[in-house]
């Protein structure tokens, strides 16, 4: 009887442990662009001088879409200030996606379908600007 009791206690503990670990995974684990996106680029804003932000680029191989966001950095992180992000296929005259305004944390996400093509991206935080042409070709 004593052995059965120990086995039952161990089995119960294993079930509770499994439930706690499974429940610990956050729902936001998908990332800022959604599920299936992998980060393919991180760039300082601006390219030189005092850094004000970070421009991040993501790609989903299943959808063929790129996604971009601009984050504040240092004293610009978590504070409301001008933030902007834009993304387009390279060589296009208009941005496919733009998010522009006074945000505390980030601008974006913005998306463009770019399977097998290059993209142009632009990130801005306060007066700092970063513009990249013909990147992440694929």
N, C-alpha and C. Protein backbone atom coordinates (compact mmCIF):
# COMPACT_ATOMS: atom_id res chain seq x y z
N UNK A 1 0.82 -1.20 0.00
CA UNK A 1 0.00 0.00 0.00
C UNK A 1 0.86 1.26 0.00
N UNK A 2 1.94 1.21 0.74
CA UNK A 2 2.81 2.36 0.83
C UNK A 2 3.47 2.68 -0.52
N UNK A 3 3.86 1.67 -1.29
CA UNK A 3 4.47 1.85 -2.60
C UNK A 3 3.48 2.46 -3.57
N UNK A 4 2.24 1.99 -3.54
CA UNK A 4 1.20 2.56 -4.40
C UNK A 4 0.98 4.02 -4.10
N UNK A 5 0.98 4.39 -2.87
CA UNK A 5 0.78 5.78 -2.46
C UNK A 5 1.91 6.66 -2.99
N UNK A 6 3.15 6.18 -2.90
CA UNK A 6 4.30 6.95 -3.41
C UNK A 6 4.22 7.10 -4.93
N UNK A 7 3.84 6.02 -5.60
CA UNK A 7 3.72 6.08 -7.07
C UNK A 7 2.62 7.05 -7.47
N UNK A 8 1.50 7.02 -6.78
CA UNK A 8 0.41 7.94 -7.09
C UNK A 8 0.84 9.38 -6.85
N UNK A 9 1.57 9.63 -5.77
CA UNK A 9 2.04 10.98 -5.46
C UNK A 9 3.02 11.45 -6.53
N UNK A 10 3.95 10.61 -6.96
CA UNK A 10 4.90 10.96 -8.00
C UNK A 10 4.20 11.22 -9.33
N UNK A 11 3.22 10.40 -9.67
CA UNK A 11 2.47 10.58 -10.91
C UNK A 11 1.72 11.90 -10.89
N UNK A 12 1.11 12.24 -9.76
CA UNK A 12 0.38 13.51 -9.64
C UNK A 12 1.33 14.69 -9.78
N UNK A 13 2.50 14.58 -9.14
CA UNK A 13 3.50 15.66 -9.22
C UNK A 13 3.97 15.83 -10.66
N UNK A 14 4.16 14.73 -11.38
CA UNK A 14 4.60 14.80 -12.78
C UNK A 14 3.55 15.49 -13.64
N UNK A 15 2.29 15.18 -13.42
CA UNK A 15 1.21 15.82 -14.19
C UNK A 15 1.15 17.31 -13.91
N UNK A 16 1.25 17.70 -12.65
CA UNK A 16 1.21 19.12 -12.28
C UNK A 16 2.41 19.84 -12.89
N UNK A 17 3.60 19.24 -12.83
CA UNK A 17 4.80 19.86 -13.41
C UNK A 17 4.64 20.06 -14.90
N UNK A 18 4.12 19.05 -15.59
CA UNK A 18 3.90 19.15 -17.03
C UNK A 18 2.91 20.27 -17.34
N UNK A 19 1.86 20.36 -16.58
CA UNK A 19 0.85 21.40 -16.79
C UNK A 19 1.43 22.79 -16.55
N UNK A 20 2.24 22.95 -15.49
CA UNK A 20 2.83 24.25 -15.20
C UNK A 20 3.81 24.68 -16.28
N UNK A 21 4.63 23.77 -16.78
CA UNK A 21 5.59 24.10 -17.83
C UNK A 21 4.86 24.45 -19.12
N UNK A 22 3.84 23.68 -19.48
CA UNK A 22 3.09 23.95 -20.71
C UNK A 22 2.37 25.29 -20.61
N UNK A 23 1.87 25.64 -19.44
CA UNK A 23 1.16 26.90 -19.27
C UNK A 23 2.07 28.09 -19.18
N UNK A 24 3.39 27.89 -19.06
CA UNK A 24 4.32 29.00 -18.90
C UNK A 24 4.68 29.67 -20.22
N UNK A 25 4.37 29.08 -21.35
CA UNK A 25 4.69 29.66 -22.65
C UNK A 25 3.77 30.83 -22.92
N UNK A 26 4.33 32.05 -23.12
CA UNK A 26 3.48 33.21 -23.33
C UNK A 26 2.78 33.18 -24.68
N UNK A 27 1.60 33.75 -24.73
CA UNK A 27 0.84 33.80 -25.98
C UNK A 27 1.54 34.70 -27.00
N UNK A 28 2.37 35.64 -26.53
CA UNK A 28 3.04 36.58 -27.43
C UNK A 28 4.33 36.02 -28.02
N UNK A 29 4.59 34.73 -27.84
CA UNK A 29 5.82 34.13 -28.34
C UNK A 29 5.92 34.19 -29.86
N UNK A 30 4.87 34.55 -30.54
CA UNK A 30 4.87 34.62 -32.01
C UNK A 30 5.80 35.72 -32.53
N UNK A 31 6.07 36.75 -31.78
CA UNK A 31 6.92 37.84 -32.23
C UNK A 31 6.10 39.05 -32.65
N UNK A 32 6.79 40.15 -32.91
CA UNK A 32 6.08 41.41 -33.19
C UNK A 32 5.32 41.43 -34.52
N UNK A 33 5.70 40.56 -35.47
CA UNK A 33 5.05 40.54 -36.77
C UNK A 33 4.00 39.45 -36.88
N UNK A 34 3.94 38.57 -35.90
CA UNK A 34 3.02 37.45 -35.94
C UNK A 34 3.77 36.14 -36.03
N UNK A 35 3.04 35.06 -36.10
CA UNK A 35 3.65 33.74 -36.17
C UNK A 35 4.35 33.48 -37.49
N UNK A 36 5.45 32.76 -37.44
CA UNK A 36 6.15 32.35 -38.65
C UNK A 36 7.17 33.33 -39.18
N UNK A 37 7.38 34.46 -38.50
CA UNK A 37 8.37 35.45 -38.94
C UNK A 37 9.68 35.25 -38.19
N UNK A 38 10.79 35.35 -38.92
CA UNK A 38 12.12 35.28 -38.33
C UNK A 38 12.83 36.60 -38.57
N UNK A 39 13.57 37.06 -37.57
CA UNK A 39 14.30 38.32 -37.72
C UNK A 39 15.48 38.09 -38.66
N UNK A 40 15.59 38.95 -39.68
CA UNK A 40 16.65 38.82 -40.68
C UNK A 40 17.59 40.02 -40.70
N UNK A 41 17.26 41.08 -39.97
CA UNK A 41 18.13 42.25 -39.93
C UNK A 41 17.83 43.16 -38.77
N UNK A 42 18.91 43.72 -38.19
CA UNK A 42 18.81 44.69 -37.10
C UNK A 42 19.79 45.81 -37.42
N UNK A 43 19.32 47.05 -37.45
CA UNK A 43 20.13 48.19 -37.85
C UNK A 43 19.97 49.34 -36.87
N UNK A 44 21.07 49.98 -36.54
CA UNK A 44 21.04 51.15 -35.67
C UNK A 44 20.46 52.34 -36.44
N UNK A 45 19.69 53.15 -35.75
CA UNK A 45 19.16 54.41 -36.30
C UNK A 45 19.79 55.54 -35.51
N UNK A 46 20.49 56.47 -36.19
CA UNK A 46 20.98 56.48 -37.57
C UNK A 46 22.18 55.54 -37.73
N UNK A 47 22.73 55.49 -38.95
CA UNK A 47 23.85 54.59 -39.23
C UNK A 47 25.11 55.01 -38.48
N UNK A 48 25.28 56.29 -38.21
CA UNK A 48 26.43 56.79 -37.46
C UNK A 48 25.99 57.94 -36.57
N UNK A 49 26.78 58.24 -35.59
CA UNK A 49 26.42 59.30 -34.65
C UNK A 49 25.64 58.75 -33.47
N UNK A 50 25.00 59.63 -32.74
CA UNK A 50 24.26 59.24 -31.53
C UNK A 50 23.04 58.39 -31.91
N UNK A 51 22.99 57.20 -31.39
CA UNK A 51 21.90 56.26 -31.71
C UNK A 51 20.61 56.68 -31.01
N UNK A 52 19.53 56.71 -31.80
CA UNK A 52 18.21 57.03 -31.25
C UNK A 52 17.25 55.85 -31.32
N UNK A 53 17.56 54.87 -32.19
CA UNK A 53 16.62 53.76 -32.35
C UNK A 53 17.21 52.55 -33.03
N UNK A 54 16.34 51.58 -33.26
CA UNK A 54 16.70 50.33 -33.91
C UNK A 54 15.64 50.00 -34.96
N UNK A 55 16.08 49.63 -36.15
CA UNK A 55 15.21 49.19 -37.23
C UNK A 55 15.35 47.68 -37.34
N UNK A 56 14.24 46.96 -37.21
CA UNK A 56 14.26 45.51 -37.30
C UNK A 56 13.46 45.05 -38.51
N UNK A 57 14.02 44.04 -39.22
CA UNK A 57 13.37 43.47 -40.40
C UNK A 57 13.13 41.98 -40.14
N UNK A 58 11.94 41.51 -40.47
CA UNK A 58 11.55 40.11 -40.31
C UNK A 58 11.08 39.57 -41.65
N UNK A 59 11.13 38.22 -41.80
CA UNK A 59 10.66 37.58 -43.03
C UNK A 59 9.92 36.30 -42.69
N UNK A 60 8.84 36.04 -43.40
CA UNK A 60 8.09 34.79 -43.29
C UNK A 60 8.24 34.03 -44.59
N UNK A 61 8.91 32.88 -44.53
CA UNK A 61 9.08 32.08 -45.75
C UNK A 61 7.76 31.47 -46.21
N UNK A 62 6.82 31.26 -45.29
CA UNK A 62 5.54 30.67 -45.70
C UNK A 62 4.66 31.68 -46.43
N UNK A 63 4.68 32.94 -46.02
CA UNK A 63 3.84 33.95 -46.68
C UNK A 63 4.60 34.75 -47.74
N UNK A 64 5.94 34.75 -47.68
CA UNK A 64 6.74 35.54 -48.61
C UNK A 64 6.73 37.02 -48.29
N UNK A 65 6.33 37.37 -47.05
CA UNK A 65 6.25 38.78 -46.66
C UNK A 65 7.40 39.18 -45.76
N UNK A 66 7.83 40.44 -45.93
CA UNK A 66 8.76 41.08 -45.00
C UNK A 66 7.96 41.99 -44.09
N UNK A 67 8.49 42.23 -42.91
CA UNK A 67 7.86 43.08 -41.90
C UNK A 67 8.95 43.96 -41.30
N UNK A 68 8.61 45.18 -40.93
CA UNK A 68 9.60 46.10 -40.34
C UNK A 68 8.99 46.87 -39.17
N UNK A 69 9.86 47.20 -38.20
CA UNK A 69 9.48 48.00 -37.03
C UNK A 69 10.65 48.91 -36.67
N UNK A 70 10.34 50.08 -36.11
CA UNK A 70 11.36 51.00 -35.58
C UNK A 70 11.12 51.16 -34.08
N UNK A 71 12.16 50.89 -33.28
CA UNK A 71 12.08 50.98 -31.82
C UNK A 71 12.94 52.13 -31.31
N UNK A 72 12.53 52.74 -30.21
CA UNK A 72 13.37 53.71 -29.53
C UNK A 72 14.52 53.01 -28.84
N UNK A 73 15.63 53.73 -28.67
CA UNK A 73 16.82 53.18 -28.02
C UNK A 73 17.32 54.16 -26.97
N UNK A 74 17.86 53.64 -25.89
CA UNK A 74 18.42 54.51 -24.84
C UNK A 74 17.35 55.41 -24.27
N UNK A 75 17.62 56.71 -24.22
CA UNK A 75 16.66 57.66 -23.65
C UNK A 75 15.41 57.82 -24.52
N UNK A 76 15.41 57.26 -25.74
CA UNK A 76 14.24 57.33 -26.63
C UNK A 76 13.32 56.13 -26.47
N UNK A 77 13.76 55.11 -25.74
CA UNK A 77 12.95 53.92 -25.51
C UNK A 77 11.93 54.20 -24.42
N UNK A 78 10.68 53.83 -24.67
CA UNK A 78 9.63 54.00 -23.67
C UNK A 78 9.16 55.42 -23.49
N UNK A 79 9.59 56.32 -24.33
CA UNK A 79 9.17 57.73 -24.27
C UNK A 79 8.45 58.09 -25.56
N UNK A 80 7.43 58.89 -25.42
CA UNK A 80 6.68 59.34 -26.60
C UNK A 80 7.55 60.32 -27.39
N UNK A 81 7.84 59.95 -28.62
CA UNK A 81 8.55 60.82 -29.55
C UNK A 81 8.26 60.34 -30.97
N UNK A 82 8.76 61.08 -31.94
CA UNK A 82 8.51 60.74 -33.35
C UNK A 82 9.15 59.41 -33.70
N UNK A 83 8.34 58.49 -34.21
CA UNK A 83 8.84 57.21 -34.70
C UNK A 83 8.14 56.92 -36.02
N UNK A 84 8.91 56.39 -36.96
CA UNK A 84 8.35 56.07 -38.28
C UNK A 84 9.06 54.84 -38.83
N UNK A 85 8.31 54.04 -39.59
CA UNK A 85 8.88 52.93 -40.33
C UNK A 85 8.15 52.82 -41.66
N UNK A 86 8.91 52.53 -42.70
CA UNK A 86 8.34 52.34 -44.03
C UNK A 86 9.00 51.16 -44.72
N UNK A 87 8.25 50.47 -45.56
CA UNK A 87 8.77 49.32 -46.29
C UNK A 87 8.14 49.27 -47.68
N UNK A 88 8.95 48.87 -48.67
CA UNK A 88 8.42 48.73 -50.03
C UNK A 88 9.32 47.79 -50.83
N UNK A 89 8.81 47.36 -51.98
CA UNK A 89 9.67 46.66 -52.92
C UNK A 89 10.68 47.66 -53.45
N UNK A 90 11.90 47.23 -53.69
CA UNK A 90 12.93 48.14 -54.20
C UNK A 90 12.51 48.75 -55.52
N UNK A 91 12.79 50.03 -55.65
CA UNK A 91 12.51 50.74 -56.88
C UNK A 91 11.10 51.28 -57.02
N UNK A 92 10.22 51.00 -56.10
CA UNK A 92 8.85 51.53 -56.18
C UNK A 92 8.82 52.96 -55.67
N UNK A 93 7.94 53.77 -56.23
CA UNK A 93 7.89 55.18 -55.85
C UNK A 93 7.08 55.41 -54.58
N UNK A 94 6.25 54.45 -54.20
CA UNK A 94 5.42 54.61 -53.00
C UNK A 94 5.72 53.49 -52.01
N UNK A 95 5.62 53.81 -50.75
CA UNK A 95 5.82 52.81 -49.70
C UNK A 95 4.62 51.88 -49.65
N UNK A 96 4.87 50.59 -49.53
CA UNK A 96 3.78 49.61 -49.40
C UNK A 96 3.14 49.72 -48.02
N UNK A 97 3.94 50.02 -47.02
CA UNK A 97 3.44 50.17 -45.66
C UNK A 97 4.20 51.24 -44.93
N UNK A 98 3.50 52.10 -44.21
CA UNK A 98 4.11 53.16 -43.41
C UNK A 98 3.35 53.28 -42.10
N UNK A 99 4.08 53.46 -41.02
CA UNK A 99 3.49 53.80 -39.73
C UNK A 99 4.29 54.98 -39.21
N UNK A 100 3.62 56.08 -38.95
CA UNK A 100 4.27 57.32 -38.60
C UNK A 100 3.48 58.02 -37.50
N UNK A 101 4.15 58.41 -36.44
CA UNK A 101 3.46 59.13 -35.38
C UNK A 101 4.33 59.31 -34.16
N UNK A 102 3.69 59.74 -33.09
CA UNK A 102 4.38 59.92 -31.81
C UNK A 102 4.01 58.73 -30.92
N UNK A 103 4.94 57.80 -30.79
CA UNK A 103 4.72 56.56 -30.06
C UNK A 103 5.72 56.43 -28.92
N UNK A 104 5.34 55.70 -27.89
CA UNK A 104 6.24 55.46 -26.76
C UNK A 104 7.25 54.36 -27.08
N UNK A 105 6.83 53.31 -27.75
CA UNK A 105 7.71 52.15 -27.88
C UNK A 105 8.19 51.89 -29.30
N UNK A 106 7.29 51.82 -30.28
CA UNK A 106 7.73 51.49 -31.63
C UNK A 106 6.71 51.92 -32.67
N UNK A 107 7.20 52.03 -33.91
CA UNK A 107 6.33 52.24 -35.07
C UNK A 107 6.31 50.93 -35.85
N UNK A 108 5.15 50.55 -36.35
CA UNK A 108 4.99 49.31 -37.09
C UNK A 108 4.12 48.35 -36.31
N UNK A 109 4.02 47.16 -36.76
CA UNK A 109 4.70 46.59 -37.92
C UNK A 109 4.05 47.00 -39.25
N UNK A 110 4.88 47.04 -40.28
CA UNK A 110 4.41 47.27 -41.65
C UNK A 110 4.91 46.11 -42.50
N UNK A 111 4.18 45.79 -43.57
CA UNK A 111 4.44 44.58 -44.35
C UNK A 111 4.51 44.86 -45.85
N UNK A 112 5.26 44.00 -46.56
CA UNK A 112 5.26 43.99 -48.01
C UNK A 112 5.50 42.55 -48.48
N UNK A 113 4.78 42.14 -49.52
CA UNK A 113 5.01 40.83 -50.14
C UNK A 113 6.24 40.96 -51.02
N UNK A 114 7.28 40.17 -50.72
CA UNK A 114 8.55 40.37 -51.43
C UNK A 114 9.28 39.07 -51.72
N UNK A 115 8.57 37.99 -51.91
CA UNK A 115 9.23 36.71 -52.19
C UNK A 115 10.08 36.85 -53.46
N UNK A 116 11.38 36.56 -53.34
CA UNK A 116 12.28 36.61 -54.48
C UNK A 116 12.66 38.01 -54.92
N UNK A 117 12.35 39.03 -54.11
CA UNK A 117 12.62 40.42 -54.49
C UNK A 117 13.37 41.14 -53.37
N UNK A 118 13.97 42.27 -53.70
CA UNK A 118 14.65 43.12 -52.72
C UNK A 118 13.67 44.12 -52.15
N UNK A 119 13.98 44.61 -50.96
CA UNK A 119 13.13 45.62 -50.33
C UNK A 119 13.93 46.87 -49.99
N UNK A 120 13.21 47.98 -49.84
CA UNK A 120 13.73 49.23 -49.29
C UNK A 120 13.03 49.44 -47.95
N UNK A 121 13.77 49.88 -46.95
CA UNK A 121 13.18 50.16 -45.65
C UNK A 121 13.71 51.48 -45.12
N UNK A 122 12.88 52.11 -44.30
CA UNK A 122 13.26 53.38 -43.69
C UNK A 122 12.78 53.36 -42.25
N UNK A 123 13.67 53.73 -41.33
CA UNK A 123 13.29 53.84 -39.93
C UNK A 123 13.68 55.20 -39.39
N UNK A 124 12.86 55.74 -38.52
CA UNK A 124 13.16 57.03 -37.90
C UNK A 124 12.75 56.99 -36.44
N UNK A 125 13.61 57.51 -35.59
CA UNK A 125 13.29 57.74 -34.19
C UNK A 125 13.85 59.12 -33.86
N UNK A 126 12.97 60.04 -33.46
CA UNK A 126 13.32 61.45 -33.22
C UNK A 126 13.97 61.99 -34.50
N UNK A 127 15.15 62.60 -34.40
CA UNK A 127 15.80 63.17 -35.59
C UNK A 127 16.65 62.14 -36.32
N UNK A 128 16.85 60.97 -35.75
CA UNK A 128 17.68 59.94 -36.39
C UNK A 128 16.91 59.19 -37.46
N UNK A 129 17.54 59.01 -38.63
CA UNK A 129 16.90 58.33 -39.77
C UNK A 129 17.86 57.28 -40.33
N UNK A 130 17.32 56.15 -40.72
CA UNK A 130 18.11 55.10 -41.40
C UNK A 130 17.32 54.64 -42.61
N UNK A 131 17.95 54.68 -43.77
CA UNK A 131 17.30 54.27 -45.02
C UNK A 131 18.19 53.22 -45.68
N UNK A 132 17.60 52.08 -46.01
CA UNK A 132 18.33 51.00 -46.66
C UNK A 132 17.65 50.65 -47.97
N UNK A 133 18.44 50.59 -49.05
CA UNK A 133 17.90 50.24 -50.37
C UNK A 133 18.43 48.89 -50.81
N UNK A 134 17.57 48.15 -51.50
CA UNK A 134 17.93 46.86 -52.10
C UNK A 134 18.57 45.92 -51.08
N UNK A 135 17.84 45.65 -50.01
CA UNK A 135 18.32 44.73 -48.98
C UNK A 135 17.38 43.52 -48.88
N UNK A 136 17.86 42.50 -48.23
CA UNK A 136 17.12 41.27 -47.96
C UNK A 136 16.46 40.72 -49.22
N UNK A 137 17.27 40.63 -50.26
CA UNK A 137 16.81 40.09 -51.53
C UNK A 137 16.64 38.59 -51.40
N UNK A 138 15.54 38.09 -51.83
CA UNK A 138 15.41 36.66 -51.69
C UNK A 138 14.19 36.17 -52.30
